[in-house]
């Protein structure tokens, strides 16, 4: 292994995380077979026991990373209770990952309404029919609920349920990781004390 492989002058020299994330996501969109915006979302319950599941990132900018869910679901309740969360993106084809964590806020009604209207009609019906994360007596019960809401909203727009909206993680740290030979990976972490603060960058041991 040459010295250049340990001191590569690529992403590790960047000083702002959001533009770098945008570039990595764009490259993942060209290389990943399915859902380059898929991300592992970690939350914690009132007893401190963690949970993790895959969700889809639906937007990001300088304010943070946005996804949508049923607020009455397990993840919704845990986020509303603790108001903190973490994410991990893994793009296997690129041998890269991005981790971030921070406080969480609810998106505006205008943001949620605008995104809800972009969803397929069946997905909007599903948002009404599914009591997400709660026990389901049978598949037939779910199909019956879907049929009921399909009939209720047979004509016209389907309104967004009050319990369905979006969360925005406002990261206090964002780490970029790139696979290297012999597990001597490149890692940089951007940190700030508050969502309004300035970023500092630290290079991390692999």
N, C-alpha and C. Protein backbone atom coordinates (compact mmCIF):
# COMPACT_ATOMS: atom_id res chain seq x y z
N UNK A 1 0.84 -1.19 0.00
CA UNK A 1 0.00 0.00 0.00
C UNK A 1 0.88 1.25 0.00
N UNK A 2 0.59 2.16 -0.91
CA UNK A 2 1.40 3.37 -1.00
C UNK A 2 0.91 4.42 -0.02
N UNK A 3 1.74 5.41 0.22
CA UNK A 3 1.35 6.49 1.11
C UNK A 3 0.15 7.24 0.58
N UNK A 4 0.04 7.31 -0.78
CA UNK A 4 -1.09 8.04 -1.37
C UNK A 4 -2.41 7.39 -1.03
N UNK A 5 -2.43 6.08 -0.86
CA UNK A 5 -3.68 5.39 -0.54
C UNK A 5 -4.16 5.72 0.87
N UNK A 6 -3.26 6.14 1.72
CA UNK A 6 -3.64 6.51 3.09
C UNK A 6 -3.91 8.00 3.23
N UNK A 7 -3.49 8.80 2.28
CA UNK A 7 -3.65 10.25 2.38
C UNK A 7 -4.32 10.78 1.11
N UNK A 8 -5.31 10.05 0.64
CA UNK A 8 -5.98 10.45 -0.59
C UNK A 8 -6.62 11.82 -0.44
N UNK A 9 -6.51 12.65 -1.48
CA UNK A 9 -6.99 14.03 -1.41
C UNK A 9 -8.38 14.20 -1.98
N UNK A 10 -9.30 13.28 -1.71
CA UNK A 10 -10.64 13.39 -2.29
C UNK A 10 -11.61 13.99 -1.28
N UNK A 11 -12.61 13.20 -0.85
CA UNK A 11 -13.66 13.75 0.01
C UNK A 11 -13.14 14.16 1.38
N UNK A 12 -12.03 13.61 1.82
CA UNK A 12 -11.54 13.91 3.17
C UNK A 12 -11.09 15.36 3.31
N UNK A 13 -10.94 16.05 2.19
CA UNK A 13 -10.51 17.45 2.25
C UNK A 13 -11.68 18.42 2.19
N UNK A 14 -12.89 17.90 2.08
CA UNK A 14 -14.06 18.77 1.99
C UNK A 14 -14.36 19.38 3.36
N UNK A 15 -14.96 20.58 3.32
CA UNK A 15 -15.22 21.31 4.57
C UNK A 15 -16.69 21.59 4.83
N UNK A 16 -17.59 20.99 4.03
CA UNK A 16 -19.03 21.21 4.21
C UNK A 16 -19.75 19.92 3.89
N UNK A 17 -20.62 19.41 4.78
CA UNK A 17 -21.18 18.08 4.58
C UNK A 17 -22.35 17.97 3.62
N UNK A 18 -23.19 18.98 3.49
CA UNK A 18 -24.42 18.83 2.72
C UNK A 18 -24.14 18.71 1.22
N UNK A 19 -23.22 19.51 0.71
CA UNK A 19 -22.86 19.40 -0.70
C UNK A 19 -22.20 18.05 -0.99
N UNK A 20 -21.38 17.58 -0.06
CA UNK A 20 -20.73 16.29 -0.23
C UNK A 20 -21.77 15.18 -0.23
N UNK A 21 -22.75 15.25 0.68
CA UNK A 21 -23.81 14.25 0.69
C UNK A 21 -24.59 14.26 -0.62
N UNK A 22 -24.89 15.44 -1.14
CA UNK A 22 -25.63 15.55 -2.39
C UNK A 22 -24.88 14.85 -3.53
N UNK A 23 -23.57 15.02 -3.56
CA UNK A 23 -22.76 14.38 -4.60
C UNK A 23 -22.77 12.86 -4.44
N UNK A 24 -22.62 12.40 -3.21
CA UNK A 24 -22.61 10.95 -2.98
C UNK A 24 -23.97 10.34 -3.31
N UNK A 25 -25.06 11.01 -2.94
CA UNK A 25 -26.38 10.48 -3.24
C UNK A 25 -26.62 10.43 -4.75
N UNK A 26 -26.17 11.45 -5.46
CA UNK A 26 -26.32 11.47 -6.92
C UNK A 26 -25.57 10.30 -7.55
N UNK A 27 -24.38 10.02 -7.06
CA UNK A 27 -23.61 8.90 -7.58
C UNK A 27 -24.28 7.57 -7.23
N UNK A 28 -24.88 7.50 -6.05
CA UNK A 28 -25.60 6.28 -5.66
C UNK A 28 -26.83 6.07 -6.54
N UNK A 29 -27.48 7.14 -6.94
CA UNK A 29 -28.65 7.02 -7.82
C UNK A 29 -28.27 6.41 -9.16
N UNK A 30 -27.02 6.59 -9.57
CA UNK A 30 -26.56 6.04 -10.84
C UNK A 30 -26.06 4.61 -10.71
N UNK A 31 -25.74 4.18 -9.48
CA UNK A 31 -25.09 2.88 -9.32
C UNK A 31 -25.93 1.85 -8.57
N UNK A 32 -26.81 2.30 -7.66
CA UNK A 32 -27.57 1.36 -6.86
C UNK A 32 -28.76 0.82 -7.66
N UNK A 33 -29.01 -0.48 -7.55
CA UNK A 33 -30.09 -1.11 -8.31
C UNK A 33 -31.46 -0.67 -7.78
N UNK A 34 -31.60 -0.65 -6.47
CA UNK A 34 -32.89 -0.31 -5.85
C UNK A 34 -32.71 0.74 -4.75
N UNK A 35 -33.58 1.72 -4.74
CA UNK A 35 -33.74 2.66 -3.63
C UNK A 35 -32.42 3.22 -3.09
N UNK A 36 -31.72 4.04 -3.85
CA UNK A 36 -30.51 4.67 -3.32
C UNK A 36 -30.78 5.58 -2.13
N UNK A 37 -32.04 5.98 -1.95
CA UNK A 37 -32.42 6.82 -0.82
C UNK A 37 -32.86 6.01 0.39
N UNK A 38 -32.70 4.68 0.35
CA UNK A 38 -33.03 3.85 1.51
C UNK A 38 -32.02 4.10 2.61
N UNK A 39 -32.51 4.17 3.85
CA UNK A 39 -31.63 4.49 4.96
C UNK A 39 -32.13 3.79 6.22
N UNK A 40 -31.19 3.30 7.02
CA UNK A 40 -31.52 2.72 8.31
C UNK A 40 -31.78 3.85 9.30
N UNK A 41 -32.95 3.83 9.92
CA UNK A 41 -33.34 4.85 10.88
C UNK A 41 -33.35 4.25 12.28
N UNK A 42 -32.59 4.83 13.19
CA UNK A 42 -32.52 4.34 14.56
C UNK A 42 -33.21 5.31 15.50
N UNK A 43 -34.04 4.74 16.40
CA UNK A 43 -34.72 5.50 17.43
C UNK A 43 -34.53 4.78 18.76
N UNK A 44 -35.02 5.38 19.82
CA UNK A 44 -34.90 4.76 21.14
C UNK A 44 -36.20 4.97 21.89
N UNK A 45 -36.63 3.95 22.65
CA UNK A 45 -37.88 4.09 23.39
C UNK A 45 -37.63 4.72 24.76
N UNK A 46 -38.70 4.82 25.55
CA UNK A 46 -38.61 5.52 26.84
C UNK A 46 -37.72 4.79 27.85
N UNK A 47 -37.45 3.50 27.60
CA UNK A 47 -36.56 2.74 28.47
C UNK A 47 -35.12 2.72 27.98
N UNK A 48 -34.87 3.41 26.87
CA UNK A 48 -33.52 3.44 26.33
C UNK A 48 -33.20 2.29 25.40
N UNK A 49 -34.20 1.46 25.07
CA UNK A 49 -33.97 0.33 24.18
C UNK A 49 -34.06 0.80 22.73
N UNK A 50 -33.03 0.55 21.93
CA UNK A 50 -33.03 1.08 20.56
C UNK A 50 -33.85 0.22 19.60
N UNK A 51 -34.27 0.87 18.53
CA UNK A 51 -34.96 0.23 17.41
C UNK A 51 -34.33 0.72 16.12
N UNK A 52 -34.30 -0.12 15.10
CA UNK A 52 -33.79 0.32 13.79
C UNK A 52 -34.62 -0.34 12.70
N UNK A 53 -34.86 0.39 11.61
CA UNK A 53 -35.60 -0.10 10.47
C UNK A 53 -35.23 0.74 9.25
N UNK A 54 -35.58 0.23 8.07
CA UNK A 54 -35.30 0.96 6.84
C UNK A 54 -36.46 1.89 6.50
N UNK A 55 -36.13 3.11 6.10
CA UNK A 55 -37.12 4.06 5.59
C UNK A 55 -36.53 4.67 4.31
N UNK A 56 -37.30 5.55 3.69
CA UNK A 56 -36.82 6.24 2.49
C UNK A 56 -36.64 7.72 2.78
N UNK A 57 -35.47 8.23 2.48
CA UNK A 57 -35.23 9.67 2.58
C UNK A 57 -36.03 10.37 1.49
N UNK A 58 -36.81 11.38 1.88
CA UNK A 58 -37.66 12.06 0.91
C UNK A 58 -37.25 13.50 0.66
N UNK A 59 -36.18 13.93 1.28
CA UNK A 59 -35.69 15.28 1.02
C UNK A 59 -34.57 15.63 1.98
N UNK A 60 -33.71 16.52 1.56
CA UNK A 60 -32.69 17.04 2.46
C UNK A 60 -32.21 18.38 1.94
N UNK A 61 -31.78 19.21 2.84
CA UNK A 61 -31.16 20.50 2.51
C UNK A 61 -30.37 20.94 3.72
N UNK A 62 -30.02 22.20 3.77
CA UNK A 62 -29.21 22.69 4.88
C UNK A 62 -29.92 22.58 6.22
N UNK A 63 -31.24 22.41 6.20
CA UNK A 63 -31.98 22.28 7.46
C UNK A 63 -32.01 20.86 8.00
N UNK A 64 -31.77 19.86 7.13
CA UNK A 64 -31.76 18.50 7.64
C UNK A 64 -32.29 17.48 6.66
N UNK A 65 -32.58 16.27 7.19
CA UNK A 65 -32.93 15.09 6.40
C UNK A 65 -34.36 14.68 6.75
N UNK A 66 -35.21 14.55 5.73
CA UNK A 66 -36.66 14.40 5.93
C UNK A 66 -37.15 13.02 5.49
N UNK A 67 -38.01 12.43 6.31
CA UNK A 67 -38.75 11.22 5.95
C UNK A 67 -40.16 11.34 6.52
N UNK A 68 -41.07 10.48 6.03
CA UNK A 68 -42.47 10.57 6.42
C UNK A 68 -42.94 9.25 7.03
N UNK A 69 -43.91 9.36 7.93
CA UNK A 69 -44.41 8.16 8.60
C UNK A 69 -45.72 8.44 9.31
N UNK A 70 -46.32 7.39 9.83
CA UNK A 70 -47.48 7.47 10.69
C UNK A 70 -46.99 7.81 12.11
N UNK A 71 -47.45 8.90 12.66
CA UNK A 71 -46.98 9.33 13.98
C UNK A 71 -47.44 8.38 15.09
N UNK A 72 -48.43 7.54 14.80
CA UNK A 72 -48.90 6.58 15.80
C UNK A 72 -48.15 5.26 15.72
N UNK A 73 -47.21 5.14 14.78
CA UNK A 73 -46.38 3.95 14.66
C UNK A 73 -45.35 3.92 15.78
N UNK A 74 -44.64 2.80 15.87
CA UNK A 74 -43.62 2.69 16.91
C UNK A 74 -42.54 3.75 16.74
N UNK A 75 -42.04 3.91 15.52
CA UNK A 75 -40.99 4.90 15.32
C UNK A 75 -41.52 6.31 15.54
N UNK A 76 -42.78 6.55 15.12
CA UNK A 76 -43.37 7.85 15.36
C UNK A 76 -43.47 8.19 16.83
N UNK A 77 -43.92 7.24 17.62
CA UNK A 77 -44.06 7.45 19.05
C UNK A 77 -42.71 7.63 19.73
N UNK A 78 -41.73 6.87 19.29
CA UNK A 78 -40.40 6.99 19.90
C UNK A 78 -39.75 8.32 19.56
N UNK A 79 -39.93 8.78 18.35
CA UNK A 79 -39.36 10.08 17.99
C UNK A 79 -40.08 11.21 18.70
N UNK A 80 -41.41 11.14 18.77
CA UNK A 80 -42.16 12.18 19.47
C UNK A 80 -41.80 12.20 20.96
N UNK A 81 -41.47 11.03 21.50
CA UNK A 81 -41.12 10.96 22.91
C UNK A 81 -39.72 11.44 23.22
N UNK A 82 -38.75 11.05 22.39
CA UNK A 82 -37.35 11.37 22.68
C UNK A 82 -36.82 12.54 21.86
N UNK A 83 -37.46 12.78 20.71
CA UNK A 83 -37.08 13.90 19.82
C UNK A 83 -35.63 13.82 19.36
N UNK A 84 -35.14 12.58 19.17
CA UNK A 84 -33.79 12.35 18.67
C UNK A 84 -33.82 11.12 17.77
N UNK A 85 -32.90 11.09 16.80
CA UNK A 85 -32.82 9.93 15.91
C UNK A 85 -31.47 9.92 15.21
N UNK A 86 -31.19 8.78 14.57
CA UNK A 86 -29.96 8.63 13.81
C UNK A 86 -30.26 7.91 12.51
N UNK A 87 -29.41 8.11 11.51
CA UNK A 87 -29.55 7.45 10.21
C UNK A 87 -28.21 6.89 9.77
N UNK A 88 -28.29 5.83 8.95
CA UNK A 88 -27.09 5.28 8.32
C UNK A 88 -27.43 4.88 6.89
N UNK A 89 -26.80 5.53 5.93
CA UNK A 89 -26.89 5.15 4.53
C UNK A 89 -25.73 4.21 4.20
N UNK A 90 -26.01 3.15 3.44
CA UNK A 90 -24.95 2.24 3.00
C UNK A 90 -25.15 1.97 1.52
N UNK A 91 -24.18 2.40 0.71
CA UNK A 91 -24.22 2.18 -0.72
C UNK A 91 -23.16 1.15 -1.07
N UNK A 92 -23.60 -0.09 -1.16
CA UNK A 92 -22.68 -1.21 -1.31
C UNK A 92 -21.87 -1.13 -2.59
N UNK A 93 -22.51 -0.72 -3.71
CA UNK A 93 -21.79 -0.67 -4.97
C UNK A 93 -20.66 0.36 -4.94
N UNK A 94 -20.82 1.40 -4.14
CA UNK A 94 -19.80 2.45 -4.04
C UNK A 94 -18.85 2.24 -2.87
N UNK A 95 -19.18 1.26 -2.01
CA UNK A 95 -18.39 1.00 -0.81
C UNK A 95 -18.28 2.26 0.06
N UNK A 96 -19.44 2.86 0.28
CA UNK A 96 -19.50 4.09 1.07
C UNK A 96 -20.65 3.99 2.07
N UNK A 97 -20.52 4.73 3.16
CA UNK A 97 -21.65 4.90 4.06
C UNK A 97 -21.60 6.30 4.66
N UNK A 98 -22.78 6.78 5.05
CA UNK A 98 -22.91 8.07 5.73
C UNK A 98 -23.75 7.84 6.97
N UNK A 99 -23.25 8.30 8.10
CA UNK A 99 -24.00 8.23 9.36
C UNK A 99 -24.27 9.64 9.85
N UNK A 100 -25.45 9.85 10.43
CA UNK A 100 -25.79 11.15 11.00
C UNK A 100 -26.73 10.96 12.18
N UNK A 101 -26.72 11.93 13.08
CA UNK A 101 -27.64 11.90 14.22
C UNK A 101 -27.87 13.31 14.74
N UNK A 102 -29.02 13.47 15.41
CA UNK A 102 -29.33 14.78 15.94
C UNK A 102 -30.76 14.88 16.41
N UNK A 103 -31.16 16.06 16.84
CA UNK A 103 -32.55 16.28 17.27
C UNK A 103 -33.49 16.24 16.07
N UNK A 104 -34.77 16.00 16.37
CA UNK A 104 -35.77 15.85 15.31
C UNK A 104 -36.89 16.87 15.50
N UNK A 105 -37.35 17.43 14.39
CA UNK A 105 -38.50 18.32 14.41
C UNK A 105 -39.53 17.84 13.40
N UNK A 106 -40.77 18.27 13.58
CA UNK A 106 -41.85 17.92 12.65
C UNK A 106 -41.84 18.91 11.49
N UNK A 107 -42.01 18.41 10.27
CA UNK A 107 -42.07 19.30 9.12
C UNK A 107 -43.36 20.12 9.19
N UNK A 108 -43.45 21.17 8.41
CA UNK A 108 -44.65 21.99 8.40
C UNK A 108 -45.80 21.25 7.71
N UNK A 109 -47.02 21.66 8.01
CA UNK A 109 -48.19 21.06 7.35
C UNK A 109 -48.11 21.26 5.84
N UNK A 110 -47.57 22.40 5.41
CA UNK A 110 -47.45 22.68 3.98
C UNK A 110 -46.50 21.68 3.32
N UNK A 111 -45.39 21.39 3.98
CA UNK A 111 -44.45 20.41 3.43
C UNK A 111 -45.09 19.03 3.36
N UNK A 112 -45.76 18.63 4.44
CA UNK A 112 -46.37 17.31 4.48
C UNK A 112 -47.48 17.18 3.44
N UNK A 113 -48.31 18.21 3.31
CA UNK A 113 -49.39 18.16 2.32
C UNK A 113 -48.83 18.05 0.91
N UNK A 114 -47.79 18.82 0.62
CA UNK A 114 -47.20 18.80 -0.72
C UNK A 114 -46.63 17.43 -1.05
N UNK A 115 -45.95 16.82 -0.09
CA UNK A 115 -45.39 15.49 -0.37
C UNK A 115 -46.50 14.44 -0.48
N UNK A 116 -47.50 14.52 0.39
CA UNK A 116 -48.58 13.53 0.38
C UNK A 116 -49.26 13.48 -0.99
N UNK A 117 -49.40 14.62 -1.62
CA UNK A 117 -50.07 14.68 -2.92
C UNK A 117 -49.25 14.00 -4.01
N UNK A 118 -47.95 13.84 -3.80
CA UNK A 118 -47.12 13.19 -4.81
C UNK A 118 -47.19 11.67 -4.72
N UNK A 119 -47.71 11.13 -3.63
CA UNK A 119 -47.75 9.68 -3.45
C UNK A 119 -48.82 9.05 -4.35
N UNK A 120 -48.60 7.83 -4.73
CA UNK A 120 -49.60 7.11 -5.51
C UNK A 120 -50.91 7.06 -4.75
N UNK A 121 -52.02 7.03 -5.47
CA UNK A 121 -53.32 7.05 -4.81
C UNK A 121 -53.46 5.88 -3.83
N UNK A 122 -52.97 4.70 -4.22
CA UNK A 122 -53.03 3.56 -3.33
C UNK A 122 -52.23 3.76 -2.06
N UNK A 123 -51.12 4.45 -2.16
CA UNK A 123 -50.31 4.73 -0.96
C UNK A 123 -51.01 5.72 -0.05
N UNK A 124 -51.73 6.67 -0.64
CA UNK A 124 -52.48 7.61 0.19
C UNK A 124 -53.64 6.90 0.90
N UNK A 125 -54.28 5.97 0.22
CA UNK A 125 -55.32 5.16 0.87
C UNK A 125 -54.70 4.34 1.99
N UNK A 126 -53.54 3.78 1.73
CA UNK A 126 -52.86 2.96 2.74
C UNK A 126 -52.54 3.73 4.00
N UNK A 127 -52.23 5.02 3.85
CA UNK A 127 -51.93 5.83 5.02
C UNK A 127 -53.13 5.93 5.96
N UNK A 128 -54.33 5.87 5.38
CA UNK A 128 -55.56 5.86 6.19
C UNK A 128 -55.87 4.47 6.74
N UNK A 129 -55.64 3.44 5.91
CA UNK A 129 -56.09 2.09 6.26
C UNK A 129 -55.19 1.39 7.26
N UNK A 130 -53.90 1.71 7.27
CA UNK A 130 -52.95 0.97 8.11
C UNK A 130 -52.80 1.61 9.49
N UNK A 131 -53.04 0.82 10.52
CA UNK A 131 -52.75 1.22 11.90
C UNK A 131 -51.32 0.77 12.20
N UNK A 132 -50.40 1.47 11.62
CA UNK A 132 -49.01 1.02 11.54
C UNK A 132 -48.42 0.62 12.89
N UNK A 133 -47.73 -0.52 12.89
CA UNK A 133 -47.00 -1.07 14.05
C UNK A 133 -47.90 -1.70 15.10
N UNK A 134 -49.22 -1.72 14.87
CA UNK A 134 -50.11 -2.32 15.85
C UNK A 134 -50.57 -3.70 15.38
N UNK A 135 -51.00 -4.56 16.29
CA UNK A 135 -51.37 -5.92 15.91
C UNK A 135 -52.48 -5.94 14.85
N UNK A 136 -52.34 -6.87 13.89
CA UNK A 136 -53.29 -7.04 12.79
C UNK A 136 -53.87 -8.45 12.88
N UNK A 137 -55.19 -8.52 12.99
CA UNK A 137 -55.82 -9.83 13.19
C UNK A 137 -55.69 -10.75 11.98
N UNK A 138 -55.68 -10.16 10.77
CA UNK A 138 -55.55 -10.97 9.56
C UNK A 138 -55.29 -10.05 8.37
N UNK A 139 -54.77 -10.62 7.30
CA UNK A 139 -54.58 -9.85 6.08
C UNK A 139 -55.93 -9.34 5.56
N UNK A 140 -56.96 -10.13 5.75
CA UNK A 140 -58.29 -9.73 5.29
C UNK A 140 -58.74 -8.44 5.96
N UNK A 141 -58.41 -8.27 7.25
CA UNK A 141 -58.80 -7.05 7.97
C UNK A 141 -58.16 -5.82 7.33
N UNK A 142 -56.91 -5.96 6.92
CA UNK A 142 -56.25 -4.84 6.25
C UNK A 142 -56.88 -4.56 4.90
N UNK A 143 -57.15 -5.62 4.14
CA UNK A 143 -57.77 -5.45 2.82
C UNK A 143 -59.16 -4.84 2.93
N UNK A 144 -59.88 -5.19 4.00
CA UNK A 144 -61.21 -4.61 4.22
C UNK A 144 -61.10 -3.12 4.51
N UNK A 145 -60.10 -2.74 5.32
CA UNK A 145 -59.91 -1.33 5.63
C UNK A 145 -59.53 -0.55 4.37
N UNK A 146 -58.69 -1.13 3.53
CA UNK A 146 -58.32 -0.49 2.27
C UNK A 146 -59.57 -0.29 1.41
N UNK A 147 -60.42 -1.31 1.33
CA UNK A 147 -61.64 -1.20 0.53
C UNK A 147 -62.56 -0.11 1.07
N UNK A 148 -62.66 -0.01 2.39
CA UNK A 148 -63.53 1.00 2.99
C UNK A 148 -63.05 2.41 2.67
N UNK A 149 -61.75 2.64 2.78
CA UNK A 149 -61.25 3.99 2.50
C UNK A 149 -61.23 4.28 1.00
N UNK A 150 -61.05 3.24 0.19
CA UNK A 150 -61.13 3.43 -1.26
C UNK A 150 -62.53 3.89 -1.65
N UNK A 151 -63.54 3.31 -1.01
CA UNK A 151 -64.93 3.72 -1.29
C UNK A 151 -65.19 5.13 -0.75
N UNK A 152 -64.65 5.43 0.42
CA UNK A 152 -64.88 6.75 1.02
C UNK A 152 -64.27 7.86 0.17
N UNK A 153 -63.11 7.59 -0.40
CA UNK A 153 -62.42 8.62 -1.20
C UNK A 153 -62.39 8.21 -2.67
N UNK A 154 -63.51 7.72 -3.15
CA UNK A 154 -63.59 7.27 -4.54
C UNK A 154 -63.46 8.41 -5.54
N UNK A 155 -63.88 9.59 -5.13
CA UNK A 155 -63.86 10.75 -6.01
C UNK A 155 -63.10 11.89 -5.34
N UNK A 156 -62.30 12.58 -6.12
CA UNK A 156 -61.63 13.77 -5.61
C UNK A 156 -60.34 13.46 -4.89
N UNK A 157 -59.81 14.49 -4.25
CA UNK A 157 -58.53 14.37 -3.56
C UNK A 157 -58.68 13.56 -2.27
N UNK A 158 -57.61 12.89 -1.92
CA UNK A 158 -57.55 12.16 -0.66
C UNK A 158 -56.80 13.04 0.34
N UNK A 159 -57.43 13.47 1.42
CA UNK A 159 -56.74 14.35 2.37
C UNK A 159 -55.66 13.60 3.15
N UNK A 160 -54.69 14.33 3.62
CA UNK A 160 -53.65 13.72 4.44
C UNK A 160 -54.18 13.48 5.85
N UNK A 161 -54.00 12.26 6.38
CA UNK A 161 -54.44 12.02 7.77
C UNK A 161 -53.68 12.91 8.75
N UNK A 162 -54.35 13.34 9.79
CA UNK A 162 -53.71 14.22 10.78
C UNK A 162 -52.54 13.52 11.47
N UNK A 163 -52.59 12.18 11.54
CA UNK A 163 -51.54 11.44 12.22
C UNK A 163 -50.39 11.04 11.30
N UNK A 164 -50.40 11.52 10.09
CA UNK A 164 -49.37 11.16 9.10
C UNK A 164 -48.66 12.44 8.66
N UNK A 165 -47.36 12.47 8.88
CA UNK A 165 -46.60 13.66 8.50
C UNK A 165 -45.12 13.30 8.41
N UNK A 166 -44.27 14.30 8.48
CA UNK A 166 -42.85 14.07 8.30
C UNK A 166 -42.02 14.54 9.46
N UNK A 167 -40.84 13.94 9.58
CA UNK A 167 -39.84 14.35 10.55
C UNK A 167 -38.60 14.85 9.83
N UNK A 168 -37.92 15.78 10.44
CA UNK A 168 -36.64 16.29 9.92
C UNK A 168 -35.56 16.11 10.99
N UNK A 169 -34.56 15.31 10.68
CA UNK A 169 -33.40 15.21 11.57
C UNK A 169 -32.47 16.37 11.25
N UNK A 170 -32.14 17.13 12.28
CA UNK A 170 -31.22 18.26 12.13
C UNK A 170 -29.87 17.83 12.71
N UNK A 171 -28.98 17.34 11.88
CA UNK A 171 -27.81 16.63 12.39
C UNK A 171 -26.83 17.52 13.17
N UNK A 172 -26.33 16.92 14.25
CA UNK A 172 -25.22 17.51 14.99
C UNK A 172 -23.91 16.88 14.58
N UNK A 173 -24.00 15.72 13.93
CA UNK A 173 -22.80 15.08 13.39
C UNK A 173 -23.18 14.34 12.11
N UNK A 174 -22.28 14.38 11.14
CA UNK A 174 -22.42 13.63 9.89
C UNK A 174 -21.07 13.02 9.57
N UNK A 175 -21.05 11.70 9.46
CA UNK A 175 -19.78 11.02 9.17
C UNK A 175 -19.83 10.39 7.78
N UNK A 176 -18.76 10.59 7.02
CA UNK A 176 -18.59 9.99 5.70
C UNK A 176 -17.51 8.93 5.78
N UNK A 177 -17.82 7.76 5.25
CA UNK A 177 -16.93 6.60 5.34
C UNK A 177 -16.74 6.01 3.96
N UNK A 178 -15.49 5.73 3.60
CA UNK A 178 -15.16 5.11 2.31
C UNK A 178 -14.25 3.92 2.55
N UNK A 179 -14.64 2.78 1.99
CA UNK A 179 -13.86 1.56 2.13
C UNK A 179 -12.48 1.71 1.50
N UNK A 180 -11.47 1.19 2.21
CA UNK A 180 -10.12 1.15 1.68
C UNK A 180 -9.51 -0.22 1.95
N UNK A 181 -8.39 -0.52 1.31
CA UNK A 181 -7.75 -1.83 1.45
C UNK A 181 -7.34 -2.10 2.89
N UNK A 182 -7.38 -3.37 3.23
CA UNK A 182 -6.92 -3.86 4.54
C UNK A 182 -7.68 -3.21 5.70
N UNK A 183 -8.91 -2.76 5.41
CA UNK A 183 -9.77 -2.14 6.42
C UNK A 183 -9.20 -0.83 6.99
N UNK A 184 -8.33 -0.21 6.23
CA UNK A 184 -7.79 1.10 6.62
C UNK A 184 -8.63 2.17 5.94
N UNK A 185 -9.90 2.24 6.34
CA UNK A 185 -10.89 3.06 5.67
C UNK A 185 -10.65 4.55 5.90
N UNK A 186 -11.18 5.36 4.99
CA UNK A 186 -11.18 6.81 5.18
C UNK A 186 -12.48 7.22 5.87
N UNK A 187 -12.34 8.00 6.93
CA UNK A 187 -13.51 8.49 7.68
C UNK A 187 -13.30 9.95 8.05
N UNK A 188 -14.29 10.76 7.79
CA UNK A 188 -14.30 12.13 8.30
C UNK A 188 -15.65 12.39 8.95
N UNK A 189 -15.63 13.14 10.04
CA UNK A 189 -16.86 13.48 10.74
C UNK A 189 -16.98 14.99 10.88
N UNK A 190 -18.13 15.50 10.48
CA UNK A 190 -18.46 16.90 10.68
C UNK A 190 -19.28 17.01 11.96
N UNK A 191 -18.94 17.97 12.81
CA UNK A 191 -19.60 18.12 14.10
C UNK A 191 -19.98 19.58 14.33
N UNK A 192 -21.06 19.78 15.10
CA UNK A 192 -21.44 21.12 15.53
C UNK A 192 -22.20 21.01 16.83
N UNK A 193 -22.20 22.06 17.61
CA UNK A 193 -22.81 22.03 18.94
C UNK A 193 -24.32 22.17 18.89
N UNK A 194 -24.85 22.79 17.83
CA UNK A 194 -26.29 23.00 17.70
C UNK A 194 -26.65 22.99 16.23
N UNK A 195 -27.93 22.80 15.90
CA UNK A 195 -28.33 22.79 14.48
C UNK A 195 -28.06 24.10 13.75
N UNK A 196 -27.85 25.17 14.49
CA UNK A 196 -27.55 26.46 13.87
C UNK A 196 -26.05 26.76 13.88
N UNK A 197 -25.25 25.88 14.45
CA UNK A 197 -23.83 26.15 14.64
C UNK A 197 -23.00 25.89 13.39
N UNK A 198 -21.73 26.26 13.49
CA UNK A 198 -20.78 26.05 12.40
C UNK A 198 -20.17 24.65 12.52
N UNK A 199 -19.82 24.10 11.38
CA UNK A 199 -19.25 22.76 11.35
C UNK A 199 -17.75 22.78 11.63
N UNK A 200 -17.29 21.79 12.34
CA UNK A 200 -15.87 21.48 12.42
C UNK A 200 -15.70 20.07 11.85
N UNK A 201 -14.51 19.78 11.36
CA UNK A 201 -14.26 18.49 10.72
C UNK A 201 -13.13 17.78 11.45
N UNK A 202 -13.32 16.47 11.65
CA UNK A 202 -12.31 15.64 12.29
C UNK A 202 -12.09 14.41 11.42
N UNK A 203 -10.84 14.09 11.18
CA UNK A 203 -10.54 12.82 10.51
C UNK A 203 -10.42 11.75 11.57
N UNK A 204 -11.06 10.59 11.30
CA UNK A 204 -11.15 9.53 12.29
C UNK A 204 -10.30 8.33 11.90
N UNK A 205 -9.76 7.65 12.93
CA UNK A 205 -9.13 6.35 12.68
C UNK A 205 -10.18 5.40 12.12
N UNK A 206 -9.77 4.47 11.22
CA UNK A 206 -10.73 3.50 10.70
C UNK A 206 -11.20 2.51 11.76
